Amino acid sequence: MDTFRVWVRPLDYEYLICVDGFQNARWLVDQLGRSFVFRSSQPISQDSDSALCTFQVPCGPLLSLTRLQKLLTDLPEVTLLRVAVAM
């Protein structure tokens, strides 16, 4: 599998994960589910004008942003890009 880009943006009670490509997003949901990060997520949505897909993962006391980023960077297929968060 080729590498693909992933962005993570914290929201109020969940993390918005943006992925290059629908198949990559499906694969990533499966990989995160195997890590017991979450039991379910919002359905994957795809921007009609690009290949970017998004899904949301619930926040919790066991899943900080740092831990989620570590899980993503541990996957050799993922290139995690940093997103500036507006305050």
N, C-alpha and C. Protein backbone atom coordinates (compact mmCIF):
# COMPACT_ATOMS: atom_id res chain seq x y z
N MET A 1 0.85 -1.18 0.00
CA MET A 1 0.00 0.00 0.00
C MET A 1 0.90 1.24 0.00
N ASP A 2 0.52 2.22 -0.83
CA ASP A 2 1.26 3.48 -0.89
C ASP A 2 0.94 4.32 0.34
N THR A 3 1.80 5.29 0.61
CA THR A 3 1.53 6.21 1.71
C THR A 3 0.47 7.22 1.29
N PHE A 4 -0.25 7.73 2.27
CA PHE A 4 -1.27 8.74 2.01
C PHE A 4 -1.28 9.74 3.15
N ARG A 5 -1.82 10.92 2.86
CA ARG A 5 -1.81 12.02 3.83
C ARG A 5 -3.06 11.98 4.70
N VAL A 6 -2.84 12.36 5.98
CA VAL A 6 -3.92 12.41 6.97
C VAL A 6 -3.75 13.69 7.79
N TRP A 7 -4.86 14.36 8.05
CA TRP A 7 -4.90 15.53 8.93
C TRP A 7 -5.86 15.21 10.06
N VAL A 8 -5.57 15.73 11.25
CA VAL A 8 -6.47 15.57 12.39
C VAL A 8 -6.77 16.95 12.94
N ARG A 9 -8.05 17.19 13.17
CA ARG A 9 -8.47 18.47 13.75
C ARG A 9 -9.37 18.20 14.94
N PRO A 10 -9.00 18.68 16.12
CA PRO A 10 -9.86 18.49 17.29
C PRO A 10 -11.11 19.37 17.18
N LEU A 11 -12.24 18.78 17.50
CA LEU A 11 -13.50 19.50 17.61
C LEU A 11 -13.92 19.45 19.08
N ASP A 12 -15.15 19.79 19.39
CA ASP A 12 -15.57 19.81 20.80
C ASP A 12 -15.44 18.46 21.49
N TYR A 13 -16.10 17.44 20.94
CA TYR A 13 -16.13 16.14 21.60
C TYR A 13 -15.64 15.02 20.69
N GLU A 14 -14.96 15.39 19.63
CA GLU A 14 -14.46 14.40 18.70
C GLU A 14 -13.30 14.96 17.90
N TYR A 15 -12.67 14.10 17.15
CA TYR A 15 -11.60 14.51 16.24
C TYR A 15 -12.09 14.32 14.82
N LEU A 16 -11.87 15.32 14.00
CA LEU A 16 -12.19 15.23 12.58
C LEU A 16 -10.92 14.75 11.88
N ILE A 17 -11.03 13.64 11.18
CA ILE A 17 -9.89 13.07 10.48
C ILE A 17 -10.15 13.21 8.98
N CYS A 18 -9.20 13.82 8.30
CA CYS A 18 -9.28 14.04 6.85
C CYS A 18 -8.22 13.17 6.19
N VAL A 19 -8.64 12.44 5.15
CA VAL A 19 -7.77 11.46 4.52
C VAL A 19 -7.79 11.65 3.00
N ASP A 20 -6.65 11.45 2.37
CA ASP A 20 -6.57 11.43 0.91
C ASP A 20 -7.11 10.11 0.38
N GLY A 21 -8.31 10.10 -0.20
CA GLY A 21 -8.85 8.92 -0.86
C GLY A 21 -9.81 8.11 -0.01
N PHE A 22 -10.90 7.68 -0.65
CA PHE A 22 -11.95 6.93 0.05
C PHE A 22 -11.44 5.57 0.54
N GLN A 23 -10.73 4.84 -0.31
CA GLN A 23 -10.21 3.52 0.11
C GLN A 23 -9.23 3.66 1.27
N ASN A 24 -8.43 4.70 1.24
CA ASN A 24 -7.50 4.94 2.35
C ASN A 24 -8.26 5.25 3.63
N ALA A 25 -9.34 6.01 3.52
CA ALA A 25 -10.16 6.34 4.70
C ALA A 25 -10.79 5.07 5.28
N ARG A 26 -11.31 4.21 4.42
CA ARG A 26 -11.89 2.94 4.89
C ARG A 26 -10.84 2.08 5.59
N TRP A 27 -9.65 2.02 4.99
CA TRP A 27 -8.57 1.23 5.58
C TRP A 27 -8.19 1.81 6.94
N LEU A 28 -8.11 3.14 7.03
CA LEU A 28 -7.71 3.78 8.29
C LEU A 28 -8.75 3.57 9.38
N VAL A 29 -10.02 3.65 9.05
CA VAL A 29 -11.08 3.36 10.04
C VAL A 29 -10.90 1.95 10.58
N ASP A 30 -10.62 1.00 9.69
CA ASP A 30 -10.41 -0.38 10.11
C ASP A 30 -9.19 -0.50 11.03
N GLN A 31 -8.09 0.14 10.66
CA GLN A 31 -6.88 0.08 11.47
C GLN A 31 -7.08 0.70 12.85
N LEU A 32 -7.74 1.85 12.91
CA LEU A 32 -7.99 2.48 14.21
C LEU A 32 -8.94 1.64 15.04
N GLY A 33 -9.92 1.01 14.40
CA GLY A 33 -10.83 0.13 15.12
C GLY A 33 -10.11 -1.07 15.73
N ARG A 34 -9.09 -1.56 15.04
CA ARG A 34 -8.30 -2.68 15.57
C ARG A 34 -7.47 -2.26 16.78
N SER A 35 -7.19 -0.97 16.88
CA SER A 35 -6.43 -0.46 18.03
C SER A 35 -7.35 -0.18 19.21
N PHE A 36 -8.63 -0.46 19.07
CA PHE A 36 -9.64 -0.22 20.09
C PHE A 36 -9.73 1.25 20.45
N VAL A 37 -9.41 2.10 19.51
CA VAL A 37 -9.52 3.53 19.74
C VAL A 37 -10.98 3.92 19.87
N PHE A 38 -11.83 3.31 19.10
CA PHE A 38 -13.25 3.63 19.12
C PHE A 38 -14.04 2.42 18.66
N ARG A 39 -15.29 2.41 19.01
CA ARG A 39 -16.16 1.32 18.58
C ARG A 39 -16.96 1.69 17.34
N SER A 40 -17.13 2.98 17.10
CA SER A 40 -17.85 3.42 15.91
C SER A 40 -17.40 4.82 15.57
N SER A 41 -17.68 5.21 14.36
CA SER A 41 -17.37 6.56 13.93
C SER A 41 -18.53 7.04 13.06
N GLN A 42 -18.52 8.32 12.77
CA GLN A 42 -19.48 8.84 11.82
C GLN A 42 -19.17 8.22 10.46
N PRO A 43 -20.16 8.12 9.58
CA PRO A 43 -19.87 7.59 8.24
C PRO A 43 -18.81 8.44 7.54
N ILE A 44 -18.07 7.82 6.66
CA ILE A 44 -17.06 8.53 5.88
C ILE A 44 -17.78 9.39 4.86
N SER A 45 -17.41 10.65 4.80
CA SER A 45 -17.99 11.53 3.77
C SER A 45 -16.87 11.97 2.83
N GLN A 46 -17.24 12.15 1.56
CA GLN A 46 -16.25 12.53 0.56
C GLN A 46 -16.65 13.84 -0.07
N ASP A 47 -15.68 14.73 -0.20
CA ASP A 47 -15.88 16.00 -0.88
C ASP A 47 -16.05 15.72 -2.36
N SER A 48 -17.14 16.20 -2.94
CA SER A 48 -17.43 15.90 -4.35
C SER A 48 -16.43 16.55 -5.31
N ASP A 49 -15.72 17.58 -4.87
CA ASP A 49 -14.78 18.27 -5.74
C ASP A 49 -13.34 17.79 -5.59
N SER A 50 -13.09 16.82 -4.69
CA SER A 50 -11.72 16.34 -4.50
C SER A 50 -11.76 14.90 -4.01
N ALA A 51 -10.59 14.35 -3.77
CA ALA A 51 -10.48 12.98 -3.27
C ALA A 51 -10.44 12.93 -1.74
N LEU A 52 -10.57 14.10 -1.08
CA LEU A 52 -10.49 14.13 0.38
C LEU A 52 -11.75 13.55 1.01
N CYS A 53 -11.53 12.73 2.03
CA CYS A 53 -12.63 12.13 2.78
C CYS A 53 -12.44 12.47 4.25
N THR A 54 -13.55 12.55 4.97
CA THR A 54 -13.47 12.84 6.40
C THR A 54 -14.33 11.85 7.18
N PHE A 55 -13.93 11.63 8.42
CA PHE A 55 -14.75 10.91 9.39
C PHE A 55 -14.39 11.44 10.76
N GLN A 56 -15.24 11.16 11.73
CA GLN A 56 -15.03 11.68 13.08
C GLN A 56 -14.86 10.53 14.05
N VAL A 57 -13.95 10.73 14.98
CA VAL A 57 -13.67 9.75 16.03
C VAL A 57 -13.95 10.43 17.36
N PRO A 58 -14.76 9.80 18.23
CA PRO A 58 -15.06 10.44 19.52
C PRO A 58 -13.83 10.59 20.41
N CYS A 59 -13.76 11.73 21.09
CA CYS A 59 -12.73 11.95 22.11
C CYS A 59 -13.12 11.18 23.35
N GLY A 60 -12.18 10.95 24.19
CA GLY A 60 -12.47 10.30 25.46
C GLY A 60 -11.27 10.42 26.36
N PRO A 61 -11.43 10.03 27.60
CA PRO A 61 -10.32 10.16 28.54
C PRO A 61 -9.12 9.30 28.16
N LEU A 62 -9.33 8.25 27.39
CA LEU A 62 -8.23 7.38 26.98
C LEU A 62 -7.65 7.77 25.63
N LEU A 63 -8.23 8.75 24.95
CA LEU A 63 -7.76 9.13 23.63
C LEU A 63 -7.52 10.63 23.55
N SER A 64 -6.31 11.02 23.87
CA SER A 64 -5.93 12.42 23.72
C SER A 64 -5.50 12.65 22.27
N LEU A 65 -5.38 13.91 21.91
CA LEU A 65 -4.90 14.24 20.57
C LEU A 65 -3.49 13.68 20.36
N THR A 66 -2.66 13.78 21.36
CA THR A 66 -1.29 13.26 21.27
C THR A 66 -1.29 11.76 21.03
N ARG A 67 -2.14 11.03 21.73
CA ARG A 67 -2.21 9.57 21.57
C ARG A 67 -2.71 9.21 20.18
N LEU A 68 -3.73 9.90 19.70
CA LEU A 68 -4.25 9.64 18.36
C LEU A 68 -3.17 9.91 17.32
N GLN A 69 -2.46 11.01 17.45
CA GLN A 69 -1.39 11.33 16.51
C GLN A 69 -0.30 10.26 16.55
N LYS A 70 0.01 9.74 17.72
CA LYS A 70 1.01 8.68 17.85
C LYS A 70 0.53 7.42 17.14
N LEU A 71 -0.73 7.06 17.33
CA LEU A 71 -1.27 5.88 16.64
C LEU A 71 -1.17 6.04 15.13
N LEU A 72 -1.45 7.24 14.65
CA LEU A 72 -1.39 7.49 13.20
C LEU A 72 0.05 7.45 12.68
N THR A 73 0.97 8.06 13.41
CA THR A 73 2.35 8.08 12.94
C THR A 73 3.01 6.71 13.04
N ASP A 74 2.48 5.83 13.87
CA ASP A 74 3.00 4.46 13.96
C ASP A 74 2.62 3.62 12.74
N LEU A 75 1.65 4.08 11.95
CA LEU A 75 1.27 3.36 10.74
C LEU A 75 2.17 3.83 9.60
N PRO A 76 2.97 2.93 9.02
CA PRO A 76 3.92 3.36 7.98
C PRO A 76 3.24 3.91 6.72
N GLU A 77 1.98 3.58 6.51
CA GLU A 77 1.26 4.06 5.34
C GLU A 77 0.80 5.51 5.47
N VAL A 78 0.79 6.02 6.70
CA VAL A 78 0.22 7.35 6.98
C VAL A 78 1.32 8.41 7.05
N THR A 79 1.08 9.50 6.34
CA THR A 79 1.89 10.71 6.49
C THR A 79 1.00 11.72 7.20
N LEU A 80 1.27 11.94 8.48
CA LEU A 80 0.44 12.85 9.27
C LEU A 80 0.90 14.28 9.05
N LEU A 81 -0.03 15.11 8.63
CA LEU A 81 0.25 16.53 8.41
C LEU A 81 -0.34 17.32 9.56
N ARG A 82 0.33 18.34 9.97
CA ARG A 82 -0.14 19.19 11.07
C ARG A 82 -1.10 20.23 10.52
N VAL A 83 -2.15 20.50 11.27
CA VAL A 83 -3.14 21.50 10.90
C VAL A 83 -3.14 22.58 11.98
N ALA A 84 -3.07 23.81 11.58
CA ALA A 84 -3.17 24.92 12.54
C ALA A 84 -4.60 25.00 13.03
N VAL A 85 -4.76 25.09 14.33
CA VAL A 85 -6.08 25.17 14.94
C VAL A 85 -6.36 26.60 15.31
N ALA A 86 -7.49 27.12 14.83
CA ALA A 86 -7.88 28.51 15.17
C ALA A 86 -8.34 28.56 16.62
N MET A 87 -7.91 29.58 17.31
CA MET A 87 -8.30 29.76 18.72
C MET A 87 -9.41 30.79 18.81
